[in-house]
C-alpha atoms as a PDB file:
ATOM      1  CA  GLY A   1     103.840 127.133  98.283  1.00  0.00           C
ATOM      2  CA  ASP A   2     104.421 129.853  96.427  1.00  0.00           C
ATOM      3  CA  VAL A   3     102.739 128.614  92.936  1.00  0.00           C
ATOM      4  CA  ASP A   4     101.477 130.444  89.900  1.00  0.00           C
ATOM      5  CA  PRO A   5      97.577 129.796  89.705  1.00  0.00           C
ATOM      6  CA  GLY A   6      97.929 129.646  85.932  1.00  0.00           C
ATOM      7  CA  GLU A   7      99.692 125.981  86.348  1.00  0.00           C
ATOM      8  CA  LEU A   8      97.314 124.779  88.266  1.00  0.00           C
ATOM      9  CA  VAL A   9      94.319 125.580  86.018  1.00  0.00           C
ATOM     10  CA  ILE A  10      93.134 121.894  84.852  1.00  0.00           C
ATOM     11  CA  ARG A  11      90.434 122.003  81.718  1.00  0.00           C
ATOM     12  CA  ARG A  12      87.710 119.619  80.942  1.00  0.00           C
ATOM     13  CA  ARG A  13      85.092 118.966  78.600  1.00  0.00           C
ATOM     14  CA  LEU A  14      81.487 119.848  79.971  1.00  0.00           C
ATOM     15  CA  GLY A  15      80.203 116.067  78.028  1.00  0.00           C
ATOM     16  CA  LYS A  16      76.087 117.321  78.366  1.00  0.00           C
ATOM     17  CA  GLY A  17      74.538 120.490  79.726  1.00  0.00           C
ATOM     18  CA  VAL A  18      74.686 121.937  83.398  1.00  0.00           C
ATOM     19  CA  GLY A  19      71.382 120.622  84.584  1.00  0.00           C
ATOM     20  CA  GLU A  20      71.976 116.825  82.733  1.00  0.00           C
ATOM     21  CA  TYR A  21      74.725 115.780  84.751  1.00  0.00           C
ATOM     22  CA  ALA A  22      73.809 113.261  87.934  1.00  0.00           C
ATOM     23  CA  ALA A  23      76.834 114.056  89.877  1.00  0.00           C
ATOM     24  CA  SER A  24      78.193 117.615  90.817  1.00  0.00           C
ATOM     25  CA  VAL A  25      82.130 116.671  89.007  1.00  0.00           C
ATOM     26  CA  ALA A  26      84.734 119.331  89.082  1.00  0.00           C
ATOM     27  CA  GLN A  27      83.940 120.917  85.394  1.00  0.00           C
ATOM     28  CA  ARG A  28      79.507 120.982  86.381  1.00  0.00           C
ATOM     29  CA  SER A  29      81.111 123.341  89.451  1.00  0.00           C
ATOM     30  CA  ALA A  30      82.506 125.645  87.461  1.00  0.00           C
ATOM     31  CA  ALA A  31      80.753 125.785  84.881  1.00  0.00           C
ATOM     32  CA  LEU A  32      77.802 127.110  87.470  1.00  0.00           C
ATOM     33  CA  GLN A  33      80.301 129.391  88.099  1.00  0.00           C
ATOM     34  CA  LEU A  34      80.837 130.696  85.132  1.00  0.00           C
ATOM     35  CA  LEU A  35      77.681 130.378  84.300  1.00  0.00           C
ATOM     36  CA  HIS A  36      75.935 132.562  87.363  1.00  0.00           C
ATOM     37  CA  ALA A  37      79.049 134.978  85.793  1.00  0.00           C
ATOM     38  CA  GLY A  38      77.190 135.830  82.882  1.00  0.00           C
ATOM     39  CA  GLN A  39      79.561 133.740  80.402  1.00  0.00           C
ATOM     40  CA  GLY A  40      78.038 131.450  78.071  1.00  0.00           C
ATOM     41  CA  LEU A  41      78.733 128.033  77.917  1.00  0.00           C
ATOM     42  CA  GLU A  42      77.624 124.518  75.457  1.00  0.00           C
ATOM     43  CA  VAL A  43      78.506 121.491  75.587  1.00  0.00           C
ATOM     44  CA  GLY A  44      81.654 120.062  74.031  1.00  0.00           C
ATOM     45  CA  ASP A  45      83.144 123.334  75.726  1.00  0.00           C
ATOM     46  CA  ASP A  46      86.412 122.824  78.028  1.00  0.00           C
ATOM     47  CA  VAL A  47      86.598 124.208  81.616  1.00  0.00           C
ATOM     48  CA  PRO A  48      88.777 125.424  83.595  1.00  0.00           C
ATOM     49  CA  PHE A  49      88.805 125.191  86.887  1.00  0.00           C
ATOM     50  CA  ILE A  50      91.588 124.508  90.741  1.00  0.00           C
ATOM     51  CA  TYR A  51      90.938 122.976  93.044  1.00  0.00           C
ATOM     52  CA  THR A  52      90.076 124.879  96.677  1.00  0.00           C
ATOM     53  CA  ASP A  53      88.871 122.068  98.803  1.00  0.00           C
ATOM     54  CA  GLN A  54      88.538 118.693  96.912  1.00  0.00           C
ATOM     55  CA  ASP A  55      87.249 117.140 100.264  1.00  0.00           C
ATOM     56  CA  ASN A  56      84.415 119.730 100.993  1.00  0.00           C
ATOM     57  CA  PRO A  57      80.538 118.834 101.485  1.00  0.00           C
ATOM     58  CA  ASN A  58      79.238 121.092  99.040  1.00  0.00           C
ATOM     59  CA  PRO A  59      80.725 120.338  95.343  1.00  0.00           C
ATOM     60  CA  LEU A  60      80.102 123.977  94.630  1.00  0.00           C
ATOM     61  CA  CYS A  61      82.990 124.812  96.798  1.00  0.00           C
ATOM     62  CA  ARG A  62      85.598 122.105  95.526  1.00  0.00           C
ATOM     63  CA  VAL A  63      86.794 124.043  92.883  1.00  0.00           C
ATOM     64  CA  ARG A  64      86.864 127.364  91.342  1.00  0.00           C
ATOM     65  CA  ALA A  65      86.803 128.979  88.053  1.00  0.00           C
ATOM     66  CA  PRO A  66      90.159 130.800  87.753  1.00  0.00           C
ATOM     67  CA  GLU A  67      88.676 133.654  87.076  1.00  0.00           C
ATOM     68  CA  PHE A  68      87.036 133.384  91.219  1.00  0.00           C
ATOM     69  CA  PHE A  69      90.650 132.117  92.023  1.00  0.00           C
ATOM     70  CA  SER A  70      92.021 133.434  95.415  1.00  0.00           C
ATOM     71  CA  GLY A  71      93.905 131.893  98.801  1.00  0.00           C
ATOM     72  CA  SER A  72      94.913 128.951  98.420  1.00  0.00           C
ATOM     73  CA  TYR A  73      94.678 125.563  95.941  1.00  0.00           C
ATOM     74  CA  ASP A  74      93.960 121.924  97.875  1.00  0.00           C
ATOM     75  CA  ARG A  75      97.520 121.014  97.765  1.00  0.00           C
ATOM     76  CA  GLU A  76      96.589 117.152  98.472  1.00  0.00           C
ATOM     77  CA  ALA A  77      94.341 117.114  94.976  1.00  0.00           C
ATOM     78  CA  TYR A  78      96.840 117.332  92.966  1.00  0.00           C
ATOM     79  CA  VAL A  79      99.315 115.030  95.265  1.00  0.00           C
ATOM     80  CA  ARG A  80      96.876 112.394  94.441  1.00  0.00           C
ATOM     81  CA  LEU A  81      95.852 113.898  90.720  1.00  0.00           C
ATOM     82  CA  LEU A  82     100.250 113.604  90.535  1.00  0.00           C
ATOM     83  CA  GLU A  83      99.977 109.804  91.938  1.00  0.00           C
ATOM     84  CA  ASP A  84      97.327 108.648  89.459  1.00  0.00           C
ATOM     85  CA  ALA A  85      99.599 109.412  86.601  1.00  0.00           C
ATOM     86  CA  ALA A  86     102.047 108.308  88.138  1.00  0.00           C
ATOM     87  CA  TYR A  87     100.297 105.132  88.255  1.00  0.00           C
ATOM     88  CA  THR A  88      99.312 105.410  85.222  1.00  0.00           C
ATOM     89  CA  VAL A  89     102.880 104.909  83.867  1.00  0.00           C
ATOM     90  CA  TRP A  90     103.549 102.577  85.737  1.00  0.00           C
ATOM     91  CA  ARG A  91     101.452 100.371  84.794  1.00  0.00           C
ATOM     92  CA  GLY A  92     101.929 101.282  81.686  1.00  0.00           C
ATOM     93  CA  ILE A  93     105.576 100.304  81.231  1.00  0.00           C
ATOM     94  CA  GLY A  94     105.180  97.344  83.693  1.00  0.00           C
ATOM     95  CA  VAL A  95     106.293  98.326  87.038  1.00  0.00           C
ATOM     96  CA  ASP A  96     103.655  97.103  90.026  1.00  0.00           C
ATOM     97  CA  PRO A  97     102.541 100.573  91.205  1.00  0.00           C
ATOM     98  CA  ALA A  98     101.874  99.441  94.663  1.00  0.00           C
ATOM     99  CA  ALA A  99     105.502  98.269  94.679  1.00  0.00           C
ATOM    100  CA  ARG A 100     108.659 101.044  95.935  1.00  0.00           C
ATOM    101  CA  PRO A 101     109.318 102.560  92.486  1.00  0.00           C
ATOM    102  CA  PRO A 102     112.558 102.274  91.631  1.00  0.00           C
ATOM    103  CA  PRO A 103     115.494 104.323  92.912  1.00  0.00           C
ATOM    104  CA  VAL A 104     116.484 107.518  90.676  1.00  0.00           C
ATOM    105  CA  PRO A 105     119.180 107.432  89.168  1.00  0.00           C
ATOM    106  CA  THR A 106     122.722 109.241  90.260  1.00  0.00           C
ATOM    107  CA  LEU A 107     125.073 110.816  87.300  1.00  0.00           C
ATOM    108  CA  GLU A 108     127.858 109.214  89.667  1.00  0.00           C
ATOM    109  CA  ARG A 109     125.731 105.413  88.646  1.00  0.00           C
ATOM    110  CA  TRP A 110     125.804 106.022  84.640  1.00  0.00           C
ATOM    111  CA  VAL A 111     128.860 106.810  85.007  1.00  0.00           C
ATOM    112  CA  ARG A 112     130.200 103.664  85.962  1.00  0.00           C
ATOM    113  CA  ARG A 113     127.613 102.143  83.816  1.00  0.00           C
ATOM    114  CA  GLY A 114     129.355 103.322  80.440  1.00  0.00           C
END
């Protein structure tokens, strides 16, 4: 759908130098793009990125720094992020995430309660 790319930006802290990461995590890939473009980054900086193809075998193609984003985003990556967040909240309030979430109350149900 039509989503403002600014609403898709995720920021993750660069916890170590780009060359120190054993795995190619999203913030490392975006940091490499920014460094290649001449932007200075240091350990502790927040690195912005947009998921474009989270399942791409090439880690450098999974995200784009916002400055280089054009085209489409990875909708499924954002769905997974939202699901993970929902499960975290459900577990925090004692709801079994594997169970079906309770139905959303309608206005009519709220009125009948009162």
